[in-house]
Amino acid sequence: MTTLGQPVWVDFGSTDFAASKAFYEQLFGWELTDSGEEMGHYHMITAGGDLVAGGMDVTGMTCPAGDQIPSSWSVFLGTDDIDATFARALGAGATEVMAPTDAGGAGRHAVLLDPTGAAVGLWQGAEIEGFVFSGKPGTPAWFELMTSDYEVALEFYSTVFEVTMVPMGMDAAEYATAGPAEEASFGIGGGAGGNGPEAGWRAYFVVEQCDATLDRVRELGGTVLDGPDDSPFGRLAAVADPPGASFMVISPSEAAGA
């Protein structure tokens, strides 16, 4: 049974899928497998045989405003009743982007904008429950929403996903985790925009050495957006693939004080 609100899936959409595919294959050693025309050529991604993410070409796809969907990474939170969770989200101030829809036999998915304007997905697994959480290099490790509407975000995710947001107490910084830190699977941080990080959900992927990874990102045509920075959880940085989809890399073995 899926824990309500636990991140269970991540995927990227790319406006230059060939470039993205080559980038991630070389950066993380990922294998991308085309699911076929009937699934819109959605690619399943594995690392060392473990299912870790998905990816697809979004060229020509438009958002509700009519603009081209940009290259980006998306985070999906789990639920055992996607229709009820989606309805509760709308009642708490979210905006519909894609109503709950079948994804073949894999499960059902939906996308909405939370009251802060951040896009977030919902996933109710069937044949596929979600990614494998192993902690190995190239796999998802952590997820967080960075926002300029911190209190609004706390209220929304607490209400919709029935979690208790616990402040971390980091020098008065606005940051809380969904449950106690040792049990939490995502966080919410304030201060996005301006000189802070870009607002929205972001996924962290494990790497062995942060600085060496950043060098490789640049070699492969990607961009280092911020960092590297040291933290108690690992040395980390924000990067983007060649078409512009941003994500985080973190090296837990290089944690400050380790």
Protein backbone atom coordinates (compact mmCIF):
# COMPACT_ATOMS: atom_id res chain seq x y z
CA MET A 1 0.00 0.00 0.00
CA THR A 2 1.31 3.43 -0.96
CA THR A 3 1.89 5.93 1.83
CA LEU A 4 -0.22 8.98 1.04
CA GLY A 5 1.99 11.88 -0.03
CA GLN A 6 5.18 9.86 -0.39
CA PRO A 7 7.11 10.71 -3.58
CA VAL A 8 6.85 7.57 -5.71
CA TRP A 9 7.76 8.69 -9.22
CA VAL A 10 9.81 11.26 -11.12
CA ASP A 11 10.05 11.93 -14.81
CA PHE A 12 11.34 14.51 -17.24
CA GLY A 13 9.83 16.07 -20.31
CA SER A 14 12.26 17.28 -22.95
CA THR A 15 12.06 19.55 -25.97
CA ASP A 16 15.15 17.78 -27.33
CA PHE A 17 14.74 14.20 -26.22
CA ALA A 18 17.78 12.86 -28.09
CA ALA A 19 20.01 15.38 -26.29
CA SER A 20 18.47 14.57 -22.90
CA LYS A 21 18.78 10.83 -23.46
CA ALA A 22 22.47 11.07 -24.37
CA PHE A 23 23.12 13.37 -21.38
CA TYR A 24 21.58 11.09 -18.76
CA GLU A 25 23.01 7.92 -20.25
CA GLN A 26 26.49 9.37 -19.92
CA LEU A 27 26.01 11.21 -16.63
CA PHE A 28 24.25 8.50 -14.64
CA GLY A 29 24.68 5.40 -16.77
CA TRP A 30 20.90 5.17 -17.16
CA GLU A 31 19.18 2.86 -19.59
CA LEU A 32 16.12 4.37 -21.31
CA THR A 33 13.60 1.96 -22.82
CA ASP A 34 10.85 3.09 -25.20
CA SER A 35 7.42 1.87 -24.05
CA GLY A 36 6.09 2.07 -27.60
CA GLU A 37 3.71 4.13 -29.68
CA GLU A 38 0.66 3.13 -27.66
CA MET A 39 2.25 4.79 -24.61
CA GLY A 40 3.33 7.89 -26.50
CA HIS A 41 6.94 6.64 -26.63
CA TYR A 42 7.27 7.22 -22.91
CA HIS A 43 10.66 5.88 -21.81
CA MET A 44 11.20 3.86 -18.64
CA ILE A 45 14.56 4.52 -17.00
CA THR A 46 16.59 1.98 -15.07
CA ALA A 47 19.90 2.22 -13.17
CA GLY A 48 21.68 -1.03 -12.50
CA GLY A 49 18.47 -2.86 -13.29
CA ASP A 50 16.38 -0.82 -10.82
CA LEU A 51 13.48 1.29 -12.09
CA VAL A 52 14.26 4.92 -11.16
CA ALA A 53 12.35 7.35 -13.41
CA GLY A 54 10.69 8.05 -16.75
CA GLY A 55 11.11 10.47 -19.62
CA MET A 56 9.29 11.68 -22.71
CA ASP A 57 9.50 14.06 -25.64
CA VAL A 58 7.22 17.08 -25.07
CA THR A 59 8.05 18.86 -28.33
CA GLY A 60 4.89 20.49 -29.65
CA MET A 61 2.96 19.97 -26.42
CA THR A 62 1.48 23.11 -24.92
CA CYS A 63 0.45 24.22 -21.45
CA PRO A 64 -3.06 25.61 -20.75
CA ALA A 65 -1.87 29.11 -21.71
CA GLY A 66 -0.85 27.80 -25.14
CA ASP A 67 2.92 28.04 -24.69
CA GLN A 68 5.31 25.19 -25.42
CA ILE A 69 5.78 23.00 -22.35
CA PRO A 70 9.38 23.60 -21.24
CA SER A 71 11.89 20.89 -20.47
CA SER A 72 11.48 20.02 -16.80
CA TRP A 73 11.50 17.35 -14.13
CA SER A 74 8.25 16.43 -12.36
CA VAL A 75 7.59 14.85 -8.96
CA PHE A 76 4.60 12.57 -8.32
CA LEU A 77 3.19 11.93 -4.84
CA GLY A 78 1.53 8.62 -4.10
CA THR A 79 -2.06 7.84 -3.23
CA ASP A 80 -4.25 4.75 -3.03
CA ASP A 81 -7.31 6.73 -4.15
CA ILE A 82 -6.28 9.26 -6.77
CA ASP A 83 -9.82 10.50 -7.41
CA ALA A 84 -10.38 11.34 -3.74
CA THR A 85 -6.95 12.94 -3.35
CA PHE A 86 -7.40 14.97 -6.52
CA ALA A 87 -10.81 16.22 -5.37
CA ARG A 88 -9.41 17.10 -1.93
CA ALA A 89 -6.58 19.03 -3.60
CA LEU A 90 -9.00 21.05 -5.71
CA GLY A 91 -11.04 21.79 -2.60
CA ALA A 92 -7.89 23.06 -0.89
CA GLY A 93 -7.14 25.56 -3.65
CA ALA A 94 -5.31 23.57 -6.33
CA THR A 95 -5.94 24.01 -10.05
CA GLU A 96 -6.50 21.10 -12.43
CA VAL A 97 -3.90 20.52 -15.14
CA MET A 98 -4.72 16.89 -15.96
CA ALA A 99 -7.53 14.99 -14.29
CA PRO A 100 -6.88 11.41 -13.10
CA THR A 101 -6.12 9.31 -16.19
CA ASP A 102 -5.13 5.70 -16.78
CA ALA A 103 -1.49 5.10 -17.76
CA GLY A 104 -2.09 1.74 -19.39
CA GLY A 105 -1.89 -0.99 -16.79
CA ALA A 106 0.88 0.79 -14.88
CA GLY A 107 -1.48 2.89 -12.78
CA ARG A 108 -3.32 6.21 -12.83
CA HIS A 109 -1.82 9.67 -12.84
CA ALA A 110 -2.90 13.29 -12.54
CA VAL A 111 -1.26 16.71 -12.49
CA LEU A 112 -2.30 19.89 -10.69
CA LEU A 113 -0.99 23.27 -9.67
CA ASP A 114 -0.91 23.72 -5.92
CA PRO A 115 -2.07 27.07 -4.45
CA THR A 116 1.49 28.43 -4.72
CA GLY A 117 1.50 27.75 -8.48
CA ALA A 118 3.85 24.76 -8.33
CA ALA A 119 3.08 21.77 -10.56
CA VAL A 120 2.88 18.42 -8.77
CA GLY A 121 1.75 15.00 -9.93
CA LEU A 122 -0.29 12.27 -8.28
CA TRP A 123 0.28 8.56 -8.87
CA GLN A 124 -1.84 5.56 -7.95
CA GLY A 125 0.20 2.49 -8.77
CA ALA A 126 -1.04 -0.76 -10.25
CA GLU A 127 1.54 -2.75 -12.19
CA ILE A 128 4.14 -0.11 -11.28
CA GLU A 129 4.15 1.16 -7.69
CA GLY A 130 7.00 3.57 -8.29
CA PHE A 131 10.76 3.90 -8.42
CA VAL A 132 13.18 1.75 -6.42
CA PHE A 133 14.60 3.68 -3.46
CA SER A 134 18.08 2.18 -3.05
CA GLY A 135 20.42 5.07 -2.29
CA LYS A 136 22.75 3.97 -5.09
CA PRO A 137 24.37 6.50 -7.48
CA GLY A 138 21.98 7.62 -10.19
CA THR A 139 18.85 7.02 -8.13
CA PRO A 140 16.38 9.46 -6.50
CA ALA A 141 17.25 10.38 -2.92
CA TRP A 142 15.16 13.37 -1.78
CA PHE A 143 12.41 15.71 -2.95
CA GLU A 144 11.42 19.20 -1.94
CA LEU A 145 9.17 22.08 -2.84
CA MET A 146 10.86 25.47 -2.81
CA THR A 147 8.35 28.28 -2.54
CA SER A 148 7.84 31.96 -1.81
CA ASP A 149 4.48 31.07 -0.18
CA TYR A 150 5.78 28.93 2.65
CA GLU A 151 2.78 28.99 4.99
CA VAL A 152 0.34 28.43 2.12
CA ALA A 153 2.36 25.41 0.98
CA LEU A 154 2.52 23.95 4.49
CA GLU A 155 -1.24 24.25 4.90
CA PHE A 156 -2.00 22.71 1.50
CA TYR A 157 0.24 19.66 1.74
CA SER A 158 -0.70 19.07 5.38
CA THR A 159 -4.39 19.11 4.49
CA VAL A 160 -4.34 17.16 1.23
CA PHE A 161 -1.79 14.52 2.16
CA GLU A 162 -2.55 14.29 5.86
CA VAL A 163 1.04 14.82 6.96
CA THR A 164 2.45 16.76 9.88
CA MET A 165 5.04 19.24 8.64
CA VAL A 166 7.91 19.40 11.15
CA PRO A 167 10.16 22.51 11.12
CA MET A 168 13.85 21.61 10.99
CA GLY A 169 14.93 24.65 12.99
CA MET A 170 17.91 25.49 10.80
CA ASP A 171 18.96 28.95 12.03
CA ALA A 172 15.43 30.29 11.62
CA ALA A 173 15.30 29.17 7.98
CA GLU A 174 11.88 28.26 6.62
CA TYR A 175 12.16 24.52 6.07
CA ALA A 176 9.95 21.68 7.22
CA THR A 177 9.81 17.96 6.51
CA ALA A 178 6.75 15.77 6.01
CA GLY A 179 7.03 14.06 9.36
CA PRO A 180 10.11 13.63 11.57
CA ALA A 181 13.34 14.09 9.61
CA GLU A 182 14.41 10.46 10.00
CA GLU A 183 11.11 9.29 8.50
CA ALA A 184 10.34 12.07 6.03
CA SER A 185 10.43 11.64 2.26
CA PHE A 186 10.06 15.29 1.20
CA GLY A 187 10.52 18.81 2.49
CA ILE A 188 9.13 22.29 1.92
CA GLY A 189 11.45 25.28 1.94
CA GLY A 190 10.76 29.00 1.81
CA GLY A 191 12.72 31.81 0.23
CA ALA A 192 12.33 30.79 -3.42
CA GLY A 193 12.67 33.44 -6.11
CA GLY A 194 14.79 36.57 -6.06
CA ASN A 195 18.24 35.50 -4.89
CA GLY A 196 16.87 32.18 -3.68
CA PRO A 197 16.35 28.93 -5.60
CA GLU A 198 13.81 28.66 -8.39
CA ALA A 199 10.30 27.96 -7.09
CA GLY A 200 8.82 24.52 -7.67
CA TRP A 201 9.36 20.86 -6.91
CA ARG A 202 12.84 19.44 -7.37
CA ALA A 203 14.33 15.97 -7.21
CA TYR A 204 17.75 15.01 -5.83
CA PHE A 205 19.83 12.21 -7.41
CA VAL A 206 22.68 10.43 -5.66
CA VAL A 207 26.22 10.86 -7.02
CA GLU A 208 29.53 9.54 -5.72
CA GLN A 209 31.45 12.83 -5.90
CA CYS A 210 29.66 16.14 -6.31
CA ASP A 211 32.45 18.25 -7.84
CA ALA A 212 33.44 15.56 -10.33
CA THR A 213 29.79 15.25 -11.32
CA LEU A 214 29.55 18.99 -11.94
CA ASP A 215 32.59 18.81 -14.21
CA ARG A 216 30.89 16.00 -16.11
CA VAL A 217 27.63 17.97 -16.36
CA ARG A 218 29.51 20.81 -18.05
CA GLU A 219 31.39 18.43 -20.37
CA LEU A 220 28.08 16.94 -21.50
CA GLY A 221 26.52 20.33 -22.31
CA GLY A 222 24.57 20.82 -19.11
CA THR A 223 24.66 23.80 -16.76
CA VAL A 224 25.58 24.22 -13.11
CA LEU A 225 22.91 26.53 -11.71
CA ASP A 226 23.94 26.79 -8.07
CA GLY A 227 26.52 25.32 -5.71
CA PRO A 228 28.23 23.18 -4.80
CA ASP A 229 27.29 23.58 -1.16
CA ASP A 230 28.04 21.49 1.90
CA SER A 231 25.25 20.23 4.14
CA PRO A 232 24.86 17.68 6.94
CA PHE A 233 23.22 15.41 4.35
CA GLY A 234 25.84 15.66 1.61
CA ARG A 235 27.60 17.98 -0.82
CA LEU A 236 24.97 19.18 -3.28
CA ALA A 237 24.31 21.39 -6.30
CA ALA A 238 21.57 22.43 -8.69
CA VAL A 239 22.14 21.61 -12.36
CA ALA A 240 20.25 21.46 -15.64
CA ASP A 241 20.42 19.14 -18.64
CA PRO A 242 21.13 20.60 -22.12
CA PRO A 243 17.47 21.41 -22.94
CA GLY A 244 17.08 23.10 -19.54
CA ALA A 245 15.38 20.61 -17.16
CA SER A 246 16.77 21.31 -13.70
CA PHE A 247 17.46 18.85 -10.89
CA MET A 248 19.68 18.41 -7.85
CA VAL A 249 22.69 16.16 -7.30
CA ILE A 250 23.88 15.14 -3.85
CA SER A 251 26.81 13.12 -2.57
CA PRO A 252 25.83 11.69 0.84
CA SER A 253 29.35 10.34 1.37
CA GLU A 254 30.60 13.95 1.36
CA ALA A 255 28.26 15.14 4.11
CA ALA A 256 29.65 17.96 6.22
CA GLY A 257 31.11 16.56 9.41
CA ALA A 258 31.08 12.99 8.10
